[in-house]
Amino acid sequence: MLTRRILAFGGLSGVSLLTPLTAFGRHPDHAKLHAPAVHRGAPPPKPLVMLDPGHGGKDPGAIGVSGTYEKHIAEAAASELSRQLLASGQYRVAMTRSEDRFIPLEGRVELAQRHQAHLFISMHADALHDRDVRGASVYTLSGGASDAQTASLARTENSADRFAGPAFHGMSPDVQQILASLVSEETRRGSAHMAASVVNSFRNRIGLLTHPSRHAAFVVLKSSEIPSVLVEMGFMSNRLDEAALRQAVHRTQVASAMKTAIDRYFATHSGVMTG
């Protein structure tokens, strides 16, 4: 026997459905309850890549020689990389921000942990005092800096939380070093592996700094369980780098090289499968 019921589901009020009376809790004696189907051999979930466009909102990041804001370059490049990764059908992708808004550094790490990301990539285009320096580079977490230029870059990046206002207290350098020491050895190896993959993928495609793989105590890379790298796509302080990063064609090339690096990382990193 069927009866016409007017139901409201999630705001879709007034939907008229022909519903069996048994659907409303009146089960006849002969009704059988079946166990849920078990799908054996189901493929594992696709790896989740967390993309982190640097800066945002009231934090413009570096400002280029012609006035370009780093935050806009970072978001545009990360969005293009997200598009390419999703189009491949091999990955899930999340972004710490997909619009122009401010997120504290620790909040970015927390987002990656909440999403249970398999890989975290922070994308930047900072500025240096020496305007002649140009080229891409990649950074991993360490208690100490690989060189003076990287130490200065890390101090600049770690000071981004000043935009959160006086009520927000960032980490002291001592705490940053302690947190760096807590990162698991497996995570360190994964981060180093991804950094090497970035360098190899960029070589002969995107100009690189001399000694492009570097390390320092970057707060945004402090996840103890998620392999994390910070990629500098170039420097806003260099006229040629800034001009290139303003062009969508160049950002697409950077994203393509990044996707190749991610493909290589997961193809050779044990424990996570794609496809």
C-alpha atoms as a PDB file:
ATOM      1  CA  MET A   1       0.000   0.000   0.000  1.00  0.00           C
ATOM      2  CA  LEU A   2       1.331   3.416  -0.937  1.00  0.00           C
ATOM      3  CA  THR A   3       0.465   6.712   0.647  1.00  0.00           C
ATOM      4  CA  ARG A   4       1.331  10.200  -0.544  1.00  0.00           C
ATOM      5  CA  ARG A   5       3.470  12.108   2.002  1.00  0.00           C
ATOM      6  CA  ILE A   6       4.712  15.681   1.992  1.00  0.00           C
ATOM      7  CA  LEU A   7       8.271  15.731   3.318  1.00  0.00           C
ATOM      8  CA  ALA A   8      10.939  18.328   3.932  1.00  0.00           C
ATOM      9  CA  PHE A   9      14.543  17.342   3.358  1.00  0.00           C
ATOM     10  CA  GLY A  10      17.338  19.883   3.914  1.00  0.00           C
ATOM     11  CA  GLY A  11      15.265  22.864   2.887  1.00  0.00           C
ATOM     12  CA  LEU A  12      13.559  21.095  -0.057  1.00  0.00           C
ATOM     13  CA  SER A  13      10.117  21.467   1.516  1.00  0.00           C
ATOM     14  CA  GLY A  14       6.945  20.457  -0.246  1.00  0.00           C
ATOM     15  CA  VAL A  15       8.500  17.513  -2.142  1.00  0.00           C
ATOM     16  CA  SER A  16       5.740  14.983  -2.806  1.00  0.00           C
ATOM     17  CA  LEU A  17       6.945  11.389  -2.628  1.00  0.00           C
ATOM     18  CA  LEU A  18       5.118   8.108  -3.022  1.00  0.00           C
ATOM     19  CA  THR A  19       6.476   6.217  -0.030  1.00  0.00           C
ATOM     20  CA  PRO A  20       5.819   2.667   1.192  1.00  0.00           C
ATOM     21  CA  LEU A  21       4.416   2.597   4.703  1.00  0.00           C
ATOM     22  CA  THR A  22       7.197   0.243   5.683  1.00  0.00           C
ATOM     23  CA  ALA A  23       9.700   3.026   5.024  1.00  0.00           C
ATOM     24  CA  PHE A  24       8.334   4.843   8.081  1.00  0.00           C
ATOM     25  CA  GLY A  25       9.163   2.123  10.545  1.00  0.00           C
ATOM     26  CA  ARG A  26       6.341  -0.411   9.951  1.00  0.00           C
ATOM     27  CA  HIS A  27       8.266  -3.492   8.910  1.00  0.00           C
ATOM     28  CA  PRO A  28       6.108  -6.539   8.073  1.00  0.00           C
ATOM     29  CA  ASP A  29       7.103  -9.804   9.671  1.00  0.00           C
ATOM     30  CA  HIS A  30       8.576 -11.148   6.467  1.00  0.00           C
ATOM     31  CA  ALA A  31      10.930  -8.150   5.935  1.00  0.00           C
ATOM     32  CA  LYS A  32      14.605  -9.164   5.826  1.00  0.00           C
ATOM     33  CA  LEU A  33      17.519  -7.038   6.958  1.00  0.00           C
ATOM     34  CA  HIS A  34      20.687  -7.508   4.938  1.00  0.00           C
ATOM     35  CA  ALA A  35      24.232  -6.830   6.104  1.00  0.00           C
ATOM     36  CA  PRO A  36      25.968  -3.995   4.285  1.00  0.00           C
ATOM     37  CA  ALA A  37      27.973  -5.079   1.275  1.00  0.00           C
ATOM     38  CA  VAL A  38      31.706  -5.434   1.801  1.00  0.00           C
ATOM     39  CA  HIS A  39      33.823  -4.400  -1.167  1.00  0.00           C
ATOM     40  CA  ARG A  40      37.007  -6.411  -1.018  1.00  0.00           C
ATOM     41  CA  GLY A  41      40.089  -5.213  -2.831  1.00  0.00           C
ATOM     42  CA  ALA A  42      38.874  -1.614  -2.986  1.00  0.00           C
ATOM     43  CA  PRO A  43      41.686   0.708  -4.062  1.00  0.00           C
ATOM     44  CA  PRO A  44      43.209   2.947  -1.374  1.00  0.00           C
ATOM     45  CA  PRO A  45      42.159   6.612  -1.386  1.00  0.00           C
ATOM     46  CA  LYS A  46      44.100   8.919  -3.657  1.00  0.00           C
ATOM     47  CA  PRO A  47      46.848  10.887  -1.895  1.00  0.00           C
ATOM     48  CA  LEU A  48      45.824  14.326  -0.699  1.00  0.00           C
ATOM     49  CA  VAL A  49      48.148  17.206  -1.593  1.00  0.00           C
ATOM     50  CA  MET A  50      47.769  20.360   0.499  1.00  0.00           C
ATOM     51  CA  LEU A  51      48.765  23.505  -1.416  1.00  0.00           C
ATOM     52  CA  ASP A  52      49.562  26.606   0.607  1.00  0.00           C
ATOM     53  CA  PRO A  53      49.634  29.915  -1.317  1.00  0.00           C
ATOM     54  CA  GLY A  54      51.790  32.155   0.852  1.00  0.00           C
ATOM     55  CA  HIS A  55      50.542  35.309   2.591  1.00  0.00           C
ATOM     56  CA  GLY A  56      47.078  36.719   1.772  1.00  0.00           C
ATOM     57  CA  GLY A  57      44.602  39.306   3.021  1.00  0.00           C
ATOM     58  CA  LYS A  58      46.287  42.058   5.006  1.00  0.00           C
ATOM     59  CA  ASP A  59      49.641  40.365   4.448  1.00  0.00           C
ATOM     60  CA  PRO A  60      50.709  41.178   0.864  1.00  0.00           C
ATOM     61  CA  GLY A  61      53.998  39.304   1.106  1.00  0.00           C
ATOM     62  CA  ALA A  62      56.814  40.712  -0.978  1.00  0.00           C
ATOM     63  CA  ILE A  63      56.017  43.622  -3.284  1.00  0.00           C
ATOM     64  CA  GLY A  64      57.783  43.462  -6.630  1.00  0.00           C
ATOM     65  CA  VAL A  65      59.843  46.163  -8.268  1.00  0.00           C
ATOM     66  CA  SER A  66      56.846  47.103 -10.420  1.00  0.00           C
ATOM     67  CA  GLY A  67      54.308  46.727  -7.598  1.00  0.00           C
ATOM     68  CA  THR A  68      53.244  43.085  -7.960  1.00  0.00           C
ATOM     69  CA  TYR A  69      52.000  41.496  -4.728  1.00  0.00           C
ATOM     70  CA  GLU A  70      53.459  38.116  -3.862  1.00  0.00           C
ATOM     71  CA  LYS A  71      50.141  36.967  -2.388  1.00  0.00           C
ATOM     72  CA  HIS A  72      48.446  37.227  -5.801  1.00  0.00           C
ATOM     73  CA  ILE A  73      51.246  35.373  -7.615  1.00  0.00           C
ATOM     74  CA  ALA A  74      51.211  32.597  -5.012  1.00  0.00           C
ATOM     75  CA  GLU A  75      47.455  32.121  -5.211  1.00  0.00           C
ATOM     76  CA  ALA A  76      47.406  32.137  -9.024  1.00  0.00           C
ATOM     77  CA  ALA A  77      50.224  29.586  -9.265  1.00  0.00           C
ATOM     78  CA  ALA A  78      48.722  27.316  -6.605  1.00  0.00           C
ATOM     79  CA  SER A  79      45.328  27.418  -8.327  1.00  0.00           C
ATOM     80  CA  GLU A  80      46.923  26.381 -11.623  1.00  0.00           C
ATOM     81  CA  LEU A  81      48.812  23.552  -9.925  1.00  0.00           C
ATOM     82  CA  SER A  82      45.581  22.418  -8.256  1.00  0.00           C
ATOM     83  CA  ARG A  83      43.857  22.376 -11.650  1.00  0.00           C
ATOM     84  CA  GLN A  84      46.600  20.236 -13.170  1.00  0.00           C
ATOM     85  CA  LEU A  85      46.683  17.791 -10.267  1.00  0.00           C
ATOM     86  CA  LEU A  86      42.910  17.304 -10.270  1.00  0.00           C
ATOM     87  CA  ALA A  87      42.834  16.945 -14.054  1.00  0.00           C
ATOM     88  CA  SER A  88      45.250  14.028 -13.798  1.00  0.00           C
ATOM     89  CA  GLY A  89      42.727  12.069 -11.746  1.00  0.00           C
ATOM     90  CA  GLN A  90      45.517  10.811  -9.470  1.00  0.00           C
ATOM     91  CA  TYR A  91      45.164  13.140  -6.504  1.00  0.00           C
ATOM     92  CA  ARG A  92      42.868  14.875  -4.084  1.00  0.00           C
ATOM     93  CA  VAL A  93      43.794  18.521  -3.514  1.00  0.00           C
ATOM     94  CA  ALA A  94      43.079  20.984  -0.728  1.00  0.00           C
ATOM     95  CA  MET A  95      44.259  24.580  -0.439  1.00  0.00           C
ATOM     96  CA  THR A  96      44.883  26.560   2.730  1.00  0.00           C
ATOM     97  CA  ARG A  97      43.283  29.485   0.947  1.00  0.00           C
ATOM     98  CA  SER A  98      41.617  29.935  -2.423  1.00  0.00           C
ATOM     99  CA  GLU A  99      40.867  33.609  -1.931  1.00  0.00           C
ATOM    100  CA  ASP A 100      42.636  36.705  -0.667  1.00  0.00           C
ATOM    101  CA  ARG A 101      42.505  36.187   3.089  1.00  0.00           C
ATOM    102  CA  PHE A 102      44.978  36.083   5.951  1.00  0.00           C
ATOM    103  CA  ILE A 103      45.781  32.786   7.708  1.00  0.00           C
ATOM    104  CA  PRO A 104      48.360  32.549  10.540  1.00  0.00           C
ATOM    105  CA  LEU A 105      51.282  30.232   9.888  1.00  0.00           C
ATOM    106  CA  GLU A 106      50.260  27.687  12.515  1.00  0.00           C
ATOM    107  CA  GLY A 107      46.729  27.717  11.094  1.00  0.00           C
ATOM    108  CA  ARG A 108      48.119  26.553   7.764  1.00  0.00           C
ATOM    109  CA  VAL A 109      49.861  23.619   9.424  1.00  0.00           C
ATOM    110  CA  GLU A 110      46.690  22.761  11.339  1.00  0.00           C
ATOM    111  CA  LEU A 111      44.680  22.716   8.110  1.00  0.00           C
ATOM    112  CA  ALA A 112      47.095  20.204   6.597  1.00  0.00           C
ATOM    113  CA  GLN A 113      46.856  18.020   9.692  1.00  0.00           C
ATOM    114  CA  ARG A 114      43.070  18.266   9.791  1.00  0.00           C
ATOM    115  CA  HIS A 115      42.875  17.133   6.163  1.00  0.00           C
ATOM    116  CA  GLN A 116      45.382  14.342   6.881  1.00  0.00           C
ATOM    117  CA  ALA A 117      47.445  15.511   3.934  1.00  0.00           C
ATOM    118  CA  HIS A 118      50.096  13.245   2.468  1.00  0.00           C
ATOM    119  CA  LEU A 119      52.183  16.190   1.246  1.00  0.00           C
ATOM    120  CA  PHE A 120      52.293  19.918   2.082  1.00  0.00           C
ATOM    121  CA  ILE A 121      53.643  22.484  -0.406  1.00  0.00           C
ATOM    122  CA  SER A 122      53.899  26.167   0.507  1.00  0.00           C
ATOM    123  CA  MET A 123      54.262  28.380  -2.577  1.00  0.00           C
ATOM    124  CA  HIS A 124      56.036  31.742  -2.503  1.00  0.00           C
ATOM    125  CA  ALA A 125      57.865  34.426  -4.474  1.00  0.00           C
ATOM    126  CA  ASP A 126      59.682  36.460  -1.835  1.00  0.00           C
ATOM    127  CA  ALA A 127      62.139  39.335  -2.022  1.00  0.00           C
ATOM    128  CA  LEU A 128      65.829  39.603  -1.191  1.00  0.00           C
ATOM    129  CA  HIS A 129      68.068  42.577  -0.487  1.00  0.00           C
ATOM    130  CA  ASP A 130      70.189  41.656  -3.495  1.00  0.00           C
ATOM    131  CA  ARG A 131      68.019  42.414  -6.521  1.00  0.00           C
ATOM    132  CA  ASP A 132      70.358  40.569  -8.868  1.00  0.00           C
ATOM    133  CA  VAL A 133      69.487  37.190  -7.329  1.00  0.00           C
ATOM    134  CA  ARG A 134      66.944  35.290  -9.392  1.00  0.00           C
ATOM    135  CA  GLY A 135      65.726  31.748  -9.819  1.00  0.00           C
ATOM    136  CA  ALA A 136      63.598  29.139  -8.070  1.00  0.00           C
ATOM    137  CA  SER A 137      64.559  27.226  -4.937  1.00  0.00           C
ATOM    138  CA  VAL A 138      63.073  24.772  -2.444  1.00  0.00           C
ATOM    139  CA  TYR A 139      63.334  24.677   1.357  1.00  0.00           C
ATOM    140  CA  THR A 140      62.870  22.073   4.066  1.00  0.00           C
ATOM    141  CA  LEU A 141      62.667  22.369   7.841  1.00  0.00           C
ATOM    142  CA  SER A 142      65.781  22.441   9.990  1.00  0.00           C
ATOM    143  CA  GLY A 143      66.742  23.864  13.366  1.00  0.00           C
ATOM    144  CA  GLY A 144      69.514  25.876  11.712  1.00  0.00           C
ATOM    145  CA  ALA A 145      69.778  27.608   8.336  1.00  0.00           C
ATOM    146  CA  SER A 146      71.845  26.290   5.454  1.00  0.00           C
ATOM    147  CA  ASP A 147      73.175  29.791   4.700  1.00  0.00           C
ATOM    148  CA  ALA A 148      72.785  33.448   5.661  1.00  0.00           C
ATOM    149  CA  GLN A 149      70.413  34.243   2.783  1.00  0.00           C
ATOM    150  CA  THR A 150      68.070  31.416   3.794  1.00  0.00           C
ATOM    151  CA  ALA A 151      68.235  32.452   7.457  1.00  0.00           C
ATOM    152  CA  SER A 152      67.108  35.947   6.467  1.00  0.00           C
ATOM    153  CA  LEU A 153      64.349  34.517   4.292  1.00  0.00           C
ATOM    154  CA  ALA A 154      63.079  32.341   7.156  1.00  0.00           C
ATOM    155  CA  ARG A 155      63.023  35.317   9.534  1.00  0.00           C
ATOM    156  CA  THR A 156      60.940  37.252   7.017  1.00  0.00           C
ATOM    157  CA  GLU A 157      58.532  34.368   6.473  1.00  0.00           C
ATOM    158  CA  ASN A 158      58.183  33.620  10.180  1.00  0.00           C
ATOM    159  CA  SER A 159      57.330  37.258  10.890  1.00  0.00           C
ATOM    160  CA  ALA A 160      54.185  37.054   8.748  1.00  0.00           C
ATOM    161  CA  ASP A 161      52.060  36.502  11.862  1.00  0.00           C
ATOM    162  CA  ARG A 162      52.662  40.121  12.868  1.00  0.00           C
ATOM    163  CA  PHE A 163      49.684  40.865  10.624  1.00  0.00           C
ATOM    164  CA  ALA A 164      47.481  38.947  13.064  1.00  0.00           C
ATOM    165  CA  GLY A 165      47.723  41.904  15.441  1.00  0.00           C
ATOM    166  CA  PRO A 166      49.308  42.552  18.848  1.00  0.00           C
ATOM    167  CA  ALA A 167      47.139  39.953  20.595  1.00  0.00           C
ATOM    168  CA  PHE A 168      48.727  37.158  18.561  1.00  0.00           C
ATOM    169  CA  HIS A 169      52.007  35.843  19.921  1.00  0.00           C
ATOM    170  CA  GLY A 170      54.138  33.961  17.442  1.00  0.00           C
ATOM    171  CA  MET A 171      56.774  31.407  18.329  1.00  0.00           C
ATOM    172  CA  SER A 172      60.148  32.434  19.649  1.00  0.00           C
ATOM    173  CA  PRO A 173      63.237  31.201  17.736  1.00  0.00           C
ATOM    174  CA  ASP A 174      63.968  28.788  20.600  1.00  0.00           C
ATOM    175  CA  VAL A 175      60.517  27.201  20.345  1.00  0.00           C
ATOM    176  CA  GLN A 176      60.869  26.992  16.565  1.00  0.00           C
ATOM    177  CA  GLN A 177      64.083  25.013  16.956  1.00  0.00           C
ATOM    178  CA  ILE A 178      62.510  22.666  19.510  1.00  0.00           C
ATOM    179  CA  LEU A 179      59.579  21.971  17.180  1.00  0.00           C
ATOM    180  CA  ALA A 180      61.976  21.312  14.319  1.00  0.00           C
ATOM    181  CA  SER A 181      63.682  18.663  16.454  1.00  0.00           C
ATOM    182  CA  LEU A 182      60.348  16.876  17.021  1.00  0.00           C
ATOM    183  CA  VAL A 183      59.746  16.186  13.341  1.00  0.00           C
ATOM    184  CA  SER A 184      59.983  12.455  12.753  1.00  0.00           C
ATOM    185  CA  GLU A 185      62.876  11.030  10.783  1.00  0.00           C
ATOM    186  CA  GLU A 186      60.441   9.536   8.283  1.00  0.00           C
ATOM    187  CA  THR A 187      58.910  12.967   7.690  1.00  0.00           C
ATOM    188  CA  ARG A 188      62.366  14.500   7.222  1.00  0.00           C
ATOM    189  CA  ARG A 189      63.228  11.885   4.634  1.00  0.00           C
ATOM    190  CA  GLY A 190      59.953  12.504   2.815  1.00  0.00           C
ATOM    191  CA  SER A 191      60.543  16.267   2.793  1.00  0.00           C
ATOM    192  CA  ALA A 192      64.098  15.829   1.503  1.00  0.00           C
ATOM    193  CA  HIS A 193      62.846  13.441  -1.155  1.00  0.00           C
ATOM    194  CA  MET A 194      60.237  15.951  -2.330  1.00  0.00           C
ATOM    195  CA  ALA A 195      62.798  18.781  -2.351  1.00  0.00           C
ATOM    196  CA  ALA A 196      65.115  16.711  -4.548  1.00  0.00           C
ATOM    197  CA  SER A 197      62.207  15.907  -6.841  1.00  0.00           C
ATOM    198  CA  VAL A 198      61.403  19.630  -7.213  1.00  0.00           C
ATOM    199  CA  VAL A 199      64.997  20.463  -8.116  1.00  0.00           C
ATOM    200  CA  ASN A 200      65.198  17.643 -10.674  1.00  0.00           C
ATOM    201  CA  SER A 201      61.861  18.627 -12.241  1.00  0.00           C
ATOM    202  CA  PHE A 202      62.735  22.320 -12.433  1.00  0.00           C
ATOM    203  CA  ARG A 203      66.178  21.761 -13.922  1.00  0.00           C
ATOM    204  CA  ASN A 204      66.291  22.710 -17.618  1.00  0.00           C
ATOM    205  CA  ARG A 205      62.696  23.996 -17.374  1.00  0.00           C
ATOM    206  CA  ILE A 206      62.658  26.706 -14.692  1.00  0.00           C
ATOM    207  CA  GLY A 207      65.747  28.728 -13.752  1.00  0.00           C
ATOM    208  CA  LEU A 208      67.208  27.714 -10.380  1.00  0.00           C
ATOM    209  CA  LEU A 209      69.362  29.364  -7.748  1.00  0.00           C
ATOM    210  CA  THR A 210      72.861  28.064  -7.215  1.00  0.00           C
ATOM    211  CA  HIS A 211      72.465  25.319  -4.589  1.00  0.00           C
ATOM    212  CA  PRO A 212      68.652  25.402  -4.960  1.00  0.00           C
ATOM    213  CA  SER A 213      67.833  22.952  -2.127  1.00  0.00           C
ATOM    214  CA  ARG A 214      68.172  24.715   1.237  1.00  0.00           C
ATOM    215  CA  HIS A 215      66.850  24.501   4.785  1.00  0.00           C
ATOM    216  CA  ALA A 216      65.924  26.651   7.807  1.00  0.00           C
ATOM    217  CA  ALA A 217      63.430  26.828  10.692  1.00  0.00           C
ATOM    218  CA  PHE A 218      60.337  27.769   8.685  1.00  0.00           C
ATOM    219  CA  VAL A 219      57.294  27.695  10.987  1.00  0.00           C
ATOM    220  CA  VAL A 220      54.947  26.731   8.149  1.00  0.00           C
ATOM    221  CA  LEU A 221      56.920  23.504   7.588  1.00  0.00           C
ATOM    222  CA  LYS A 222      56.783  22.278  11.184  1.00  0.00           C
ATOM    223  CA  SER A 223      54.283  19.434  10.806  1.00  0.00           C
ATOM    224  CA  SER A 224      55.765  16.417  12.557  1.00  0.00           C
ATOM    225  CA  GLU A 225      54.015  13.851  10.345  1.00  0.00           C
ATOM    226  CA  ILE A 226      53.483  15.456   6.913  1.00  0.00           C
ATOM    227  CA  PRO A 227      56.409  15.827   4.487  1.00  0.00           C
ATOM    228  CA  SER A 228      56.558  19.566   3.780  1.00  0.00           C
ATOM    229  CA  VAL A 229      58.460  21.887   1.447  1.00  0.00           C
ATOM    230  CA  LEU A 230      58.426  25.597   0.706  1.00  0.00           C
ATOM    231  CA  VAL A 231      58.957  26.460  -2.957  1.00  0.00           C
ATOM    232  CA  GLU A 232      60.227  29.880  -3.994  1.00  0.00           C
ATOM    233  CA  MET A 233      59.136  30.234  -7.614  1.00  0.00           C
ATOM    234  CA  GLY A 234      61.389  33.246  -8.040  1.00  0.00           C
ATOM    235  CA  PHE A 235      61.972  36.572  -6.325  1.00  0.00           C
ATOM    236  CA  MET A 236      59.801  39.666  -6.538  1.00  0.00           C
ATOM    237  CA  SER A 237      62.949  41.717  -5.903  1.00  0.00           C
ATOM    238  CA  ASN A 238      64.326  40.714  -9.308  1.00  0.00           C
ATOM    239  CA  ARG A 239      62.841  42.514 -12.288  1.00  0.00           C
ATOM    240  CA  LEU A 240      63.068  39.482 -14.612  1.00  0.00           C
ATOM    241  CA  ASP A 241      61.614  37.020 -12.099  1.00  0.00           C
ATOM    242  CA  GLU A 242      58.746  39.366 -11.329  1.00  0.00           C
ATOM    243  CA  ALA A 243      57.979  39.926 -15.021  1.00  0.00           C
ATOM    244  CA  ALA A 244      57.971  36.170 -15.676  1.00  0.00           C
ATOM    245  CA  LEU A 245      55.721  35.345 -12.707  1.00  0.00           C
ATOM    246  CA  ARG A 246      53.208  37.962 -13.832  1.00  0.00           C
ATOM    247  CA  GLN A 247      52.669  35.897 -16.997  1.00  0.00           C
ATOM    248  CA  ALA A 248      50.109  33.087 -16.877  1.00  0.00           C
ATOM    249  CA  VAL A 249      52.167  31.087 -19.385  1.00  0.00           C
ATOM    250  CA  HIS A 250      55.175  31.057 -17.065  1.00  0.00           C
ATOM    251  CA  ARG A 251      53.068  30.172 -14.013  1.00  0.00           C
ATOM    252  CA  THR A 252      51.612  27.262 -16.003  1.00  0.00           C
ATOM    253  CA  GLN A 253      55.155  26.068 -16.730  1.00  0.00           C
ATOM    254  CA  VAL A 254      56.043  26.321 -13.038  1.00  0.00           C
ATOM    255  CA  ALA A 255      52.896  24.375 -12.106  1.00  0.00           C
ATOM    256  CA  SER A 256      53.686  21.737 -14.726  1.00  0.00           C
ATOM    257  CA  ALA A 257      57.188  21.280 -13.308  1.00  0.00           C
ATOM    258  CA  MET A 258      55.687  21.069  -9.830  1.00  0.00           C
ATOM    259  CA  LYS A 259      53.223  18.401 -10.950  1.00  0.00           C
ATOM    260  CA  THR A 260      56.094  16.390 -12.426  1.00  0.00           C
ATOM    261  CA  ALA A 261      57.884  16.654  -9.071  1.00  0.00           C
ATOM    262  CA  ILE A 262      54.772  15.461  -7.223  1.00  0.00           C
ATOM    263  CA  ASP A 263      54.316  12.568  -9.661  1.00  0.00           C
ATOM    264  CA  ARG A 264      57.919  11.479  -9.112  1.00  0.00           C
ATOM    265  CA  TYR A 265      57.591  11.835  -5.359  1.00  0.00           C
ATOM    266  CA  PHE A 266      54.577   9.548  -5.070  1.00  0.00           C
ATOM    267  CA  ALA A 267      55.912   7.113  -7.683  1.00  0.00           C
ATOM    268  CA  THR A 268      58.990   6.453  -5.557  1.00  0.00           C
ATOM    269  CA  HIS A 269      57.738   7.154  -2.022  1.00  0.00           C
ATOM    270  CA  SER A 270      56.684   3.975  -0.247  1.00  0.00           C
ATOM    271  CA  GLY A 271      53.298   3.639   1.406  1.00  0.00           C
ATOM    272  CA  VAL A 272      51.231   5.957  -0.800  1.00  0.00           C
ATOM    273  CA  MET A 273      49.768   4.907  -4.123  1.00  0.00           C
ATOM    274  CA  THR A 274      48.315   6.977  -6.957  1.00  0.00           C
ATOM    275  CA  GLY A 275      46.085   6.087  -9.839  1.00  0.00           C
END
